Amino acid sequence: MEKILFALGSIAVFEGFFLAVAPGRIPKILEMLSKFSNPELSRIGLVVMATGVVILMVSGV
């Protein structure tokens, strides 16, 4: 449970950081993402998830 809370907190910090630092970029990124098809977005999501898992494994969390 502690690791789940750590992960959720890390995501919140990460997301909040980008919203605070570059709020004008978020709509542009969302516009760019809306041009992808659903299968392409799924593949991007899977790659990002796999990258996160590898980072967590390497860091020993």
Protein backbone atom coordinates (compact mmCIF):
# COMPACT_ATOMS: atom_id res chain seq x y z
CA MET A 1 0.00 0.00 0.00
CA GLU A 2 2.89 2.32 0.79
CA LYS A 3 4.30 1.91 -2.73
CA ILE A 4 0.92 2.63 -4.32
CA LEU A 5 0.62 5.85 -2.34
CA PHE A 6 4.19 6.76 -3.28
CA ALA A 7 3.39 6.16 -6.96
CA LEU A 8 0.20 8.23 -6.84
CA GLY A 9 1.99 11.04 -5.04
CA SER A 10 4.81 10.96 -7.58
CA ILE A 11 2.33 11.21 -10.44
CA ALA A 12 0.59 14.15 -8.78
CA VAL A 13 3.89 15.97 -8.29
CA PHE A 14 4.95 15.27 -11.88
CA GLU A 15 1.64 16.42 -13.37
CA GLY A 16 1.42 19.46 -11.13
CA PHE A 17 4.96 20.49 -11.96
CA PHE A 18 4.24 20.75 -15.68
CA LEU A 19 0.95 22.54 -15.11
CA ALA A 20 2.70 25.08 -12.88
CA VAL A 21 5.77 25.60 -15.06
CA ALA A 22 4.23 25.57 -18.56
CA PRO A 23 0.45 25.97 -18.41
CA GLY A 24 0.29 27.34 -21.96
CA ARG A 25 1.84 24.19 -23.40
CA ILE A 26 -0.85 21.83 -22.08
CA PRO A 27 -3.55 22.85 -24.61
CA LYS A 28 -1.01 22.58 -27.44
CA ILE A 29 0.01 19.09 -26.33
CA LEU A 30 -3.63 18.02 -26.04
CA GLU A 31 -4.30 19.37 -29.53
CA MET A 32 -1.33 17.41 -30.86
CA LEU A 33 -2.51 14.23 -29.12
CA SER A 34 -6.02 14.63 -30.56
CA LYS A 35 -4.55 14.08 -34.05
CA PHE A 36 -3.53 10.51 -33.20
CA SER A 37 -5.88 7.59 -33.71
CA ASN A 38 -7.02 5.48 -30.76
CA PRO A 39 -4.67 2.57 -31.61
CA GLU A 40 -1.73 4.99 -31.87
CA LEU A 41 -2.60 6.53 -28.49
CA SER A 42 -2.80 3.04 -26.98
CA ARG A 43 0.66 2.20 -28.29
CA ILE A 44 2.07 5.46 -26.95
CA GLY A 45 0.49 4.71 -23.57
CA LEU A 46 1.95 1.21 -23.52
CA VAL A 47 5.43 2.53 -24.35
CA VAL A 48 5.20 5.14 -21.60
CA MET A 49 3.97 2.52 -19.10
CA ALA A 50 6.76 0.11 -20.05
CA THR A 51 9.31 2.88 -19.68
CA GLY A 52 7.94 3.66 -16.22
CA VAL A 53 8.11 0.02 -15.18
CA VAL A 54 11.73 -0.22 -16.34
CA ILE A 55 12.62 2.96 -14.43
CA LEU A 56 10.97 1.59 -11.29
CA MET A 57 12.76 -1.74 -11.64
CA VAL A 58 16.14 -0.08 -12.13
CA SER A 59 15.61 2.30 -9.22
CA GLY A 60 14.65 -0.56 -6.90
CA VAL A 61 11.36 0.98 -5.78
